[in-house]
Amino acid sequence: MTTDLIEFIKSILLVLTALLPIINPPGVAPIFLTYTHGASDQERRLIAKRIAINGFFLLLGAMFVGNYVLKFFGISLAVVKIGGGLVVAAAGWKLLEADDHSSEAAAAKPTGPAIIRRAFFPLTFPFTIGPGSISVAITLGAALRTRNGIDELNLAGGVIGIVLLTAVVYFSYRYANRLLARLGETGITVFLRLSAFILLCIGVQIFWNGASELLRGLLV
């Protein structure tokens, strides 16, 4: 196995191991089911596909141009974490405080253009691709450009890693109903509350990470 091929495989694994635990598609599956409650199987498949596509371009953009965009607007990663943490925490709190999805969500059955809007916000951002995964993708993009070996192979490995990651997202959401069917209605509700609370905690943690970086900059 040549050195270039080894670097290529390492780039793929780097993206998967860094981003998959943060995105955690199976953990977001109950939230996906809640926001698509009342939708048909075909509609859920379409929404899952849209989320995977949106997620791919978000991560790709963050990895290749995210750092330049932040520099252009004079925005630091710490500020991104603070703003994104607030968005994630607010979304988690809203889910935590929401009534059972059986009546409200059924009344708001997504159809037509509403599916596309719901697929991007909030299901793609911030539930699937949040500020944590975006900041990691920006860091990975810088790392892939500076690693030893041929840059084109490293970057291609990063792209393939994102493709595999979004494929996991698609299949986790596409078959979320089957994955959670054994939990039953009560089990899904409990799992959703736990997921919402964890989402709230993640938002607070992301916010604190960004705030800590800014405070350390002021104290130095």
Protein backbone atom coordinates (compact mmCIF):
# COMPACT_ATOMS: atom_id res chain seq x y z
CA MET A 1 0.00 0.00 0.00
CA THR A 2 1.52 3.34 -1.08
CA THR A 3 2.00 6.33 1.19
CA ASP A 4 -0.50 8.39 -0.80
CA LEU A 5 -3.19 5.74 -0.41
CA ILE A 6 -2.54 5.52 3.31
CA GLU A 7 -2.91 9.30 3.62
CA PHE A 8 -6.13 9.11 1.60
CA ILE A 9 -7.62 6.47 3.92
CA LYS A 10 -6.46 8.40 6.97
CA SER A 11 -8.25 11.50 5.70
CA ILE A 12 -11.52 9.57 5.36
CA LEU A 13 -11.19 8.07 8.83
CA LEU A 14 -10.24 11.44 10.31
CA VAL A 15 -13.49 13.01 9.11
CA LEU A 16 -15.63 10.08 10.23
CA THR A 17 -14.09 9.72 13.69
CA ALA A 18 -14.17 13.46 14.35
CA LEU A 19 -17.69 14.25 13.15
CA LEU A 20 -19.77 11.09 13.60
CA PRO A 21 -19.83 11.19 17.45
CA ILE A 22 -20.76 14.88 17.39
CA ILE A 23 -23.56 14.55 14.83
CA ASN A 24 -24.80 11.23 16.31
CA PRO A 25 -27.57 10.49 13.78
CA PRO A 26 -29.23 7.67 15.82
CA GLY A 27 -29.48 10.01 18.79
CA VAL A 28 -31.27 12.65 16.71
CA ALA A 29 -33.67 10.07 15.20
CA PRO A 30 -36.41 10.65 17.85
CA ILE A 31 -36.33 14.39 17.14
CA PHE A 32 -36.60 13.65 13.42
CA LEU A 33 -39.66 11.50 14.08
CA THR A 34 -41.26 14.23 16.18
CA TYR A 35 -40.84 16.92 13.53
CA THR A 36 -42.11 14.60 10.81
CA HIS A 37 -45.03 13.18 12.79
CA GLY A 38 -48.02 12.75 10.50
CA ALA A 39 -45.88 12.59 7.37
CA SER A 40 -46.12 9.59 5.07
CA ASP A 41 -43.27 7.17 4.56
CA GLN A 42 -42.54 8.76 1.19
CA GLU A 43 -42.46 12.23 2.73
CA ARG A 44 -40.09 11.05 5.47
CA ARG A 45 -37.81 9.57 2.82
CA LEU A 46 -37.81 12.90 0.98
CA ILE A 47 -37.06 14.84 4.17
CA ALA A 48 -34.24 12.47 5.10
CA LYS A 49 -32.77 12.88 1.62
CA ARG A 50 -32.99 16.67 1.85
CA ILE A 51 -31.31 16.65 5.26
CA ALA A 52 -28.45 14.49 3.95
CA ILE A 53 -27.94 16.77 0.93
CA ASN A 54 -28.14 19.93 3.02
CA GLY A 55 -25.76 18.45 5.57
CA PHE A 56 -23.28 17.48 2.85
CA PHE A 57 -23.08 21.01 1.45
CA LEU A 58 -22.96 22.60 4.91
CA LEU A 59 -20.04 20.43 5.99
CA LEU A 60 -18.32 20.76 2.62
CA GLY A 61 -18.62 24.53 2.74
CA ALA A 62 -17.39 24.66 6.33
CA MET A 63 -14.43 22.43 5.53
CA PHE A 64 -13.23 24.26 2.41
CA VAL A 65 -14.33 27.90 2.73
CA GLY A 66 -15.59 28.26 6.30
CA ASN A 67 -12.31 29.61 7.64
CA TYR A 68 -12.07 32.20 4.83
CA VAL A 69 -15.67 33.33 5.36
CA LEU A 70 -15.08 33.84 9.08
CA LYS A 71 -11.91 35.82 8.36
CA PHE A 72 -13.72 37.96 5.78
CA PHE A 73 -16.39 38.97 8.28
CA GLY A 74 -13.94 39.14 11.19
CA ILE A 75 -15.75 36.43 13.14
CA SER A 76 -13.85 34.08 15.40
CA LEU A 77 -14.69 30.43 16.05
CA ALA A 78 -15.38 31.36 19.67
CA VAL A 79 -18.16 33.73 18.58
CA VAL A 80 -19.57 31.05 16.26
CA LYS A 81 -19.68 28.66 19.21
CA ILE A 82 -21.44 31.22 21.42
CA GLY A 83 -24.09 32.07 18.82
CA GLY A 84 -24.55 28.46 17.75
CA GLY A 85 -24.69 27.26 21.34
CA LEU A 86 -27.53 29.66 22.05
CA VAL A 87 -29.43 28.39 18.99
CA VAL A 88 -28.95 24.73 19.99
CA ALA A 89 -29.87 25.41 23.63
CA ALA A 90 -33.01 27.29 22.58
CA ALA A 91 -34.04 24.44 20.27
CA GLY A 92 -33.44 21.88 23.03
CA TRP A 93 -35.46 23.93 25.52
CA LYS A 94 -38.32 24.26 23.03
CA LEU A 95 -38.41 20.49 22.55
CA LEU A 96 -38.14 19.89 26.28
CA GLU A 97 -41.07 22.19 27.03
CA ALA A 98 -43.23 21.06 24.09
CA ASP A 99 -46.43 19.08 24.62
CA ASP A 100 -46.65 15.50 23.40
CA HIS A 101 -46.37 15.52 19.63
CA SER A 102 -49.49 13.45 18.99
CA SER A 103 -51.96 16.29 18.52
CA GLU A 104 -49.94 19.38 17.62
CA ALA A 105 -47.64 17.74 15.12
CA ALA A 106 -50.46 15.82 13.49
CA ALA A 107 -52.29 19.09 12.93
CA ALA A 108 -49.19 20.56 11.29
CA LYS A 109 -48.57 17.76 8.84
CA PRO A 110 -45.75 18.81 6.49
CA THR A 111 -46.63 18.90 2.82
CA GLY A 112 -45.15 20.43 -0.30
CA PRO A 113 -42.80 23.40 0.25
CA ALA A 114 -43.22 23.06 4.02
CA ILE A 115 -41.23 19.81 3.83
CA ILE A 116 -38.27 21.58 2.27
CA ARG A 117 -38.34 24.39 4.81
CA ARG A 118 -38.57 21.98 7.72
CA ALA A 119 -35.83 19.80 6.26
CA PHE A 120 -33.31 22.64 6.45
CA PHE A 121 -34.40 24.38 9.64
CA PRO A 122 -34.43 23.01 12.22
CA LEU A 123 -33.75 19.41 11.11
CA THR A 124 -30.53 20.06 9.18
CA PHE A 125 -29.44 23.07 11.21
CA PRO A 126 -29.07 23.00 14.14
CA PHE A 127 -30.29 19.47 15.03
CA THR A 128 -28.12 17.50 12.59
CA ILE A 129 -25.33 19.89 11.58
CA GLY A 130 -24.85 22.21 14.53
CA PRO A 131 -22.21 24.75 15.49
CA GLY A 132 -20.09 22.03 17.07
CA SER A 133 -19.83 19.97 13.89
CA ILE A 134 -19.35 23.10 11.76
CA SER A 135 -16.45 24.32 13.90
CA VAL A 136 -14.89 20.83 13.78
CA ALA A 137 -15.33 20.74 9.99
CA ILE A 138 -13.54 24.10 9.68
CA THR A 139 -10.69 22.76 11.80
CA LEU A 140 -10.54 19.55 9.76
CA GLY A 141 -10.33 21.53 6.53
CA ALA A 142 -7.28 23.37 7.83
CA ALA A 143 -5.73 20.11 9.05
CA LEU A 144 -6.25 18.32 5.72
CA ARG A 145 -4.61 21.18 3.83
CA THR A 146 -1.49 21.05 6.02
CA ARG A 147 -0.99 17.29 6.42
CA ASN A 148 1.87 15.47 4.70
CA GLY A 149 1.21 13.94 1.32
CA ILE A 150 -0.66 15.11 -1.75
CA ASP A 151 -3.20 17.78 -0.80
CA GLU A 152 -5.62 16.70 -3.51
CA LEU A 153 -5.81 13.19 -2.10
CA ASN A 154 -6.26 14.45 1.45
CA LEU A 155 -9.06 16.78 0.42
CA ALA A 156 -10.67 14.07 -1.71
CA GLY A 157 -10.58 11.79 1.32
CA GLY A 158 -12.28 14.50 3.33
CA VAL A 159 -15.05 14.77 0.73
CA ILE A 160 -15.60 11.00 0.71
CA GLY A 161 -15.67 11.05 4.51
CA ILE A 162 -18.47 13.63 4.38
CA VAL A 163 -20.35 11.53 1.80
CA LEU A 164 -20.17 8.47 4.06
CA LEU A 165 -21.20 10.55 7.06
CA THR A 166 -24.26 12.00 5.35
CA ALA A 167 -25.17 8.50 4.12
CA VAL A 168 -25.29 7.40 7.76
CA VAL A 169 -27.51 10.41 8.47
CA TYR A 170 -29.86 9.47 5.63
CA PHE A 171 -30.29 5.84 6.62
CA SER A 172 -30.63 6.67 10.32
CA TYR A 173 -33.46 9.10 9.58
CA ARG A 174 -34.96 7.10 6.72
CA TYR A 175 -35.43 4.08 8.98
CA ALA A 176 -35.84 5.96 12.27
CA ASN A 177 -39.37 4.65 12.60
CA ARG A 178 -38.16 1.04 12.42
CA LEU A 179 -35.20 1.70 14.72
CA LEU A 180 -37.46 3.08 17.43
CA ALA A 181 -40.57 0.98 16.78
CA ARG A 182 -39.81 -1.39 19.63
CA LEU A 183 -39.78 1.47 22.13
CA GLY A 184 -43.46 2.15 21.62
CA GLU A 185 -45.20 5.53 21.91
CA THR A 186 -44.25 5.98 25.57
CA GLY A 187 -40.67 4.89 25.00
CA ILE A 188 -40.24 7.29 22.09
CA THR A 189 -41.65 10.13 24.21
CA VAL A 190 -39.22 9.35 27.03
CA PHE A 191 -36.33 9.01 24.59
CA LEU A 192 -37.31 12.33 23.00
CA ARG A 193 -37.30 14.11 26.37
CA LEU A 194 -33.87 12.70 27.17
CA SER A 195 -32.58 13.68 23.73
CA ALA A 196 -34.02 17.19 24.15
CA PHE A 197 -32.33 17.55 27.54
CA ILE A 198 -29.01 16.32 26.13
CA LEU A 199 -29.43 18.77 23.23
CA LEU A 200 -29.98 21.58 25.74
CA CYS A 201 -26.84 20.56 27.64
CA ILE A 202 -24.83 20.37 24.41
CA GLY A 203 -25.95 23.90 23.53
CA VAL A 204 -24.89 25.20 26.94
CA GLN A 205 -21.55 23.39 26.65
CA ILE A 206 -20.90 24.84 23.17
CA PHE A 207 -21.79 28.30 24.47
CA TRP A 208 -19.46 27.88 27.47
CA ASN A 209 -16.61 26.64 25.27
CA GLY A 210 -16.87 29.76 23.13
CA ALA A 211 -17.26 32.06 26.12
CA SER A 212 -14.23 30.47 27.82
CA GLU A 213 -12.10 31.07 24.74
CA LEU A 214 -13.10 34.74 24.67
CA LEU A 215 -12.45 35.15 28.40
CA ARG A 216 -9.03 33.54 28.11
CA GLY A 217 -8.22 35.96 25.29
CA LEU A 218 -9.17 38.90 27.52
CA LEU A 219 -7.14 37.65 30.49
CA VAL A 220 -3.95 36.93 28.52
